[in-house]
Amino acid sequence: MLTYAEIVTARRRVEHKSRSAGMDLSYLDYEMRDIRTSPGHVDVELTQRDGHSARLLIALPSSGEPQYWLYAPPEQAEDWLQQLLIWIDEEVFTSGLMDGRARIESNGASYVQSAPYGWRLTDPAEHARLSEAAWHNGWYG
């Protein structure tokens, strides 16, 4: 199992890195800010260039919780982190952090919710359709 220390080391290599899909989607560029850790989790604030933001609670391997972003078993921390970053990129560049994302409020912060297909959508029919397509463990599961 990947250790917390290995993941932290890998994360430091990409900390504050802005991800971009090119000129046409530059308004969706985002940064990871205010990274907090707790046992079994990383809590990160994502902020898009257009000002939309949300927090995301990321389960570490040690938590035993589903890791929906994994599309292949990671052999090392860099693999785990790259799959996580691809997942975040896909979610930000599809619907971003705007309306349409289901959120929960906790301690005054707004969190997007993870689902087997990505970040949960507010539309019940689309949520049900994607949940069925991804099954209960995500695309890899």
C-alpha atoms as a PDB file:
ATOM      1  CA  MET A   1       0.000   0.000   0.000  1.00  0.00           C
ATOM      2  CA  LEU A   2       1.192   3.508  -0.771  1.00  0.00           C
ATOM      3  CA  THR A   3       2.154   5.463   2.291  1.00  0.00           C
ATOM      4  CA  TYR A   4       1.071   8.935   3.226  1.00  0.00           C
ATOM      5  CA  ALA A   5       4.708  10.125   3.148  1.00  0.00           C
ATOM      6  CA  GLU A   6       5.158   8.895  -0.429  1.00  0.00           C
ATOM      7  CA  ILE A   7       2.029  10.725  -1.561  1.00  0.00           C
ATOM      8  CA  VAL A   8       3.063  13.946   0.207  1.00  0.00           C
ATOM      9  CA  THR A   9       6.453  13.819  -1.506  1.00  0.00           C
ATOM     10  CA  ALA A  10       4.802  13.325  -4.892  1.00  0.00           C
ATOM     11  CA  ARG A  11       2.285  16.109  -4.195  1.00  0.00           C
ATOM     12  CA  ARG A  12       5.021  18.605  -3.411  1.00  0.00           C
ATOM     13  CA  ARG A  13       6.292  18.162  -6.939  1.00  0.00           C
ATOM     14  CA  VAL A  14       3.021  19.570  -8.325  1.00  0.00           C
ATOM     15  CA  GLU A  15       1.921  21.924  -5.534  1.00  0.00           C
ATOM     16  CA  HIS A  16       0.355  25.153  -6.801  1.00  0.00           C
ATOM     17  CA  LYS A  17       0.592  23.884 -10.361  1.00  0.00           C
ATOM     18  CA  SER A  18      -2.043  25.335 -12.637  1.00  0.00           C
ATOM     19  CA  ARG A  19      -3.537  22.868 -15.093  1.00  0.00           C
ATOM     20  CA  SER A  20      -4.632  24.042 -18.535  1.00  0.00           C
ATOM     21  CA  ALA A  21      -6.505  22.626 -21.500  1.00  0.00           C
ATOM     22  CA  GLY A  22      -5.256  25.323 -23.892  1.00  0.00           C
ATOM     23  CA  MET A  23      -6.214  28.784 -25.046  1.00  0.00           C
ATOM     24  CA  ASP A  24      -9.910  28.123 -25.707  1.00  0.00           C
ATOM     25  CA  LEU A  25     -10.521  26.808 -22.198  1.00  0.00           C
ATOM     26  CA  SER A  26      -8.175  29.066 -20.252  1.00  0.00           C
ATOM     27  CA  TYR A  27     -11.097  30.322 -18.136  1.00  0.00           C
ATOM     28  CA  LEU A  28     -11.195  26.812 -16.665  1.00  0.00           C
ATOM     29  CA  ASP A  29      -7.549  26.883 -15.561  1.00  0.00           C
ATOM     30  CA  TYR A  30      -7.373  26.179 -11.885  1.00  0.00           C
ATOM     31  CA  GLU A  31      -5.031  26.094  -8.954  1.00  0.00           C
ATOM     32  CA  MET A  32      -4.874  23.924  -5.903  1.00  0.00           C
ATOM     33  CA  ARG A  33      -4.732  26.099  -2.824  1.00  0.00           C
ATOM     34  CA  ASP A  34      -4.969  25.692   0.913  1.00  0.00           C
ATOM     35  CA  ILE A  35      -3.997  22.039   1.102  1.00  0.00           C
ATOM     36  CA  ARG A  36      -4.823  20.505   4.487  1.00  0.00           C
ATOM     37  CA  THR A  37      -4.188  17.015   5.755  1.00  0.00           C
ATOM     38  CA  SER A  38      -5.933  14.837   8.283  1.00  0.00           C
ATOM     39  CA  PRO A  39      -5.629  11.125   9.009  1.00  0.00           C
ATOM     40  CA  GLY A  40      -6.558   9.307   5.792  1.00  0.00           C
ATOM     41  CA  HIS A  41      -7.491  12.441   3.807  1.00  0.00           C
ATOM     42  CA  VAL A  42      -6.232  15.475   1.959  1.00  0.00           C
ATOM     43  CA  ASP A  43      -8.559  18.481   1.851  1.00  0.00           C
ATOM     44  CA  VAL A  44      -7.776  20.904  -0.974  1.00  0.00           C
ATOM     45  CA  GLU A  45      -9.306  24.107  -2.263  1.00  0.00           C
ATOM     46  CA  LEU A  46      -9.640  24.283  -6.045  1.00  0.00           C
ATOM     47  CA  THR A  47      -9.994  27.738  -7.573  1.00  0.00           C
ATOM     48  CA  GLN A  48     -10.722  28.332 -11.255  1.00  0.00           C
ATOM     49  CA  ARG A  49      -9.370  31.359 -13.085  1.00  0.00           C
ATOM     50  CA  ASP A  50     -12.946  32.640 -13.435  1.00  0.00           C
ATOM     51  CA  GLY A  51     -13.272  32.760  -9.634  1.00  0.00           C
ATOM     52  CA  HIS A  52     -15.411  29.672  -8.990  1.00  0.00           C
ATOM     53  CA  SER A  53     -14.026  27.537  -6.208  1.00  0.00           C
ATOM     54  CA  ALA A  54     -14.810  24.532  -4.067  1.00  0.00           C
ATOM     55  CA  ARG A  55     -13.067  22.224  -1.672  1.00  0.00           C
ATOM     56  CA  LEU A  56     -12.462  18.549  -2.387  1.00  0.00           C
ATOM     57  CA  LEU A  57     -11.872  15.859   0.217  1.00  0.00           C
ATOM     58  CA  ILE A  58      -9.507  13.236  -1.217  1.00  0.00           C
ATOM     59  CA  ALA A  59      -9.339   9.816   0.412  1.00  0.00           C
ATOM     60  CA  LEU A  60      -5.812   8.447   0.800  1.00  0.00           C
ATOM     61  CA  PRO A  61      -5.153   4.719   0.283  1.00  0.00           C
ATOM     62  CA  SER A  62      -4.822   4.258   4.055  1.00  0.00           C
ATOM     63  CA  SER A  63      -8.444   5.398   4.565  1.00  0.00           C
ATOM     64  CA  GLY A  64      -9.861   2.281   2.933  1.00  0.00           C
ATOM     65  CA  GLU A  65     -12.431   4.504   1.180  1.00  0.00           C
ATOM     66  CA  PRO A  66     -13.180   4.251  -2.547  1.00  0.00           C
ATOM     67  CA  GLN A  67     -10.744   6.056  -4.842  1.00  0.00           C
ATOM     68  CA  TYR A  68     -12.906   6.574  -7.881  1.00  0.00           C
ATOM     69  CA  TRP A  69     -10.164   8.276  -9.907  1.00  0.00           C
ATOM     70  CA  LEU A  70      -8.018   5.152 -10.152  1.00  0.00           C
ATOM     71  CA  TYR A  71      -8.260   3.577 -13.586  1.00  0.00           C
ATOM     72  CA  ALA A  72      -5.344   1.174 -12.957  1.00  0.00           C
ATOM     73  CA  PRO A  73      -3.684  -0.059  -9.763  1.00  0.00           C
ATOM     74  CA  PRO A  74      -0.922   2.456  -8.909  1.00  0.00           C
ATOM     75  CA  GLU A  75       2.524   0.977  -8.386  1.00  0.00           C
ATOM     76  CA  GLN A  76       3.972   4.060  -6.737  1.00  0.00           C
ATOM     77  CA  ALA A  77       2.865   7.397  -5.325  1.00  0.00           C
ATOM     78  CA  GLU A  78       3.528   9.240  -8.597  1.00  0.00           C
ATOM     79  CA  ASP A  79       1.105   6.898 -10.416  1.00  0.00           C
ATOM     80  CA  TRP A  80      -1.562   7.469  -7.769  1.00  0.00           C
ATOM     81  CA  LEU A  81      -1.083  11.242  -7.919  1.00  0.00           C
ATOM     82  CA  GLN A  82      -1.091  11.409 -11.728  1.00  0.00           C
ATOM     83  CA  GLN A  83      -4.374   9.495 -11.864  1.00  0.00           C
ATOM     84  CA  LEU A  84      -5.821  11.860  -9.261  1.00  0.00           C
ATOM     85  CA  LEU A  85      -4.701  14.929 -11.252  1.00  0.00           C
ATOM     86  CA  ILE A  86      -6.173  13.525 -14.478  1.00  0.00           C
ATOM     87  CA  TRP A  87      -9.474  12.967 -12.656  1.00  0.00           C
ATOM     88  CA  ILE A  88      -9.483  16.504 -11.256  1.00  0.00           C
ATOM     89  CA  ASP A  89      -8.618  17.915 -14.705  1.00  0.00           C
ATOM     90  CA  GLU A  90     -11.468  15.980 -16.320  1.00  0.00           C
ATOM     91  CA  GLU A  91     -13.958  17.120 -13.719  1.00  0.00           C
ATOM     92  CA  VAL A  92     -12.912  20.780 -13.850  1.00  0.00           C
ATOM     93  CA  PHE A  93     -12.819  20.841 -17.646  1.00  0.00           C
ATOM     94  CA  THR A  94     -16.214  19.168 -18.108  1.00  0.00           C
ATOM     95  CA  SER A  95     -18.520  21.018 -15.719  1.00  0.00           C
ATOM     96  CA  GLY A  96     -16.059  22.976 -13.644  1.00  0.00           C
ATOM     97  CA  LEU A  97     -16.926  24.173 -10.177  1.00  0.00           C
ATOM     98  CA  MET A  98     -20.080  25.942 -11.283  1.00  0.00           C
ATOM     99  CA  ASP A  99     -23.774  25.171 -10.953  1.00  0.00           C
ATOM    100  CA  GLY A 100     -24.720  21.601 -11.604  1.00  0.00           C
ATOM    101  CA  ARG A 101     -22.302  20.093  -9.091  1.00  0.00           C
ATOM    102  CA  ALA A 102     -23.746  18.641  -5.913  1.00  0.00           C
ATOM    103  CA  ARG A 103     -22.129  20.180  -2.868  1.00  0.00           C
ATOM    104  CA  ILE A 104     -22.147  19.816   0.867  1.00  0.00           C
ATOM    105  CA  GLU A 105     -21.376  22.558   3.332  1.00  0.00           C
ATOM    106  CA  SER A 106     -18.970  21.846   6.171  1.00  0.00           C
ATOM    107  CA  ASN A 107     -17.551  24.396   8.606  1.00  0.00           C
ATOM    108  CA  GLY A 108     -18.489  27.241   6.269  1.00  0.00           C
ATOM    109  CA  ALA A 109     -16.817  25.689   3.207  1.00  0.00           C
ATOM    110  CA  SER A 110     -18.466  24.256   0.100  1.00  0.00           C
ATOM    111  CA  TYR A 111     -17.280  20.791  -0.975  1.00  0.00           C
ATOM    112  CA  VAL A 112     -17.946  19.057  -4.280  1.00  0.00           C
ATOM    113  CA  GLN A 113     -19.001  15.455  -3.712  1.00  0.00           C
ATOM    114  CA  SER A 114     -17.231  12.480  -5.227  1.00  0.00           C
ATOM    115  CA  ALA A 115     -19.269   9.813  -6.976  1.00  0.00           C
ATOM    116  CA  PRO A 116     -18.217   6.676  -8.847  1.00  0.00           C
ATOM    117  CA  TYR A 117     -18.397   8.598 -12.156  1.00  0.00           C
ATOM    118  CA  GLY A 118     -16.603  11.778 -10.989  1.00  0.00           C
ATOM    119  CA  TRP A 119     -18.004  14.744  -9.089  1.00  0.00           C
ATOM    120  CA  ARG A 120     -21.664  14.288  -8.304  1.00  0.00           C
ATOM    121  CA  LEU A 121     -24.139  16.157 -10.463  1.00  0.00           C
ATOM    122  CA  THR A 122     -27.283  17.825  -9.128  1.00  0.00           C
ATOM    123  CA  ASP A 123     -29.475  16.489 -11.953  1.00  0.00           C
ATOM    124  CA  PRO A 124     -31.029  13.274 -10.523  1.00  0.00           C
ATOM    125  CA  ALA A 125     -31.544  11.579 -13.909  1.00  0.00           C
ATOM    126  CA  GLU A 126     -27.987  12.254 -15.086  1.00  0.00           C
ATOM    127  CA  HIS A 127     -26.609  11.201 -11.706  1.00  0.00           C
ATOM    128  CA  ALA A 128     -28.496   7.890 -11.928  1.00  0.00           C
ATOM    129  CA  ARG A 129     -27.405   7.299 -15.532  1.00  0.00           C
ATOM    130  CA  LEU A 130     -23.721   7.938 -14.824  1.00  0.00           C
ATOM    131  CA  SER A 131     -23.801   5.994 -11.560  1.00  0.00           C
ATOM    132  CA  GLU A 132     -25.142   2.955 -13.394  1.00  0.00           C
ATOM    133  CA  ALA A 133     -22.543   3.301 -16.146  1.00  0.00           C
ATOM    134  CA  ALA A 134     -19.639   3.610 -13.687  1.00  0.00           C
ATOM    135  CA  TRP A 135     -20.974   1.002 -11.293  1.00  0.00           C
ATOM    136  CA  HIS A 136     -20.324   1.314  -7.533  1.00  0.00           C
ATOM    137  CA  ASN A 137     -16.487   1.306  -7.511  1.00  0.00           C
ATOM    138  CA  GLY A 138     -15.865   3.761 -10.328  1.00  0.00           C
ATOM    139  CA  TRP A 139     -14.669   3.229 -13.871  1.00  0.00           C
ATOM    140  CA  TYR A 140     -11.851   0.863 -12.922  1.00  0.00           C
ATOM    141  CA  GLY A 141     -13.820  -1.095 -10.334  1.00  0.00           C
END
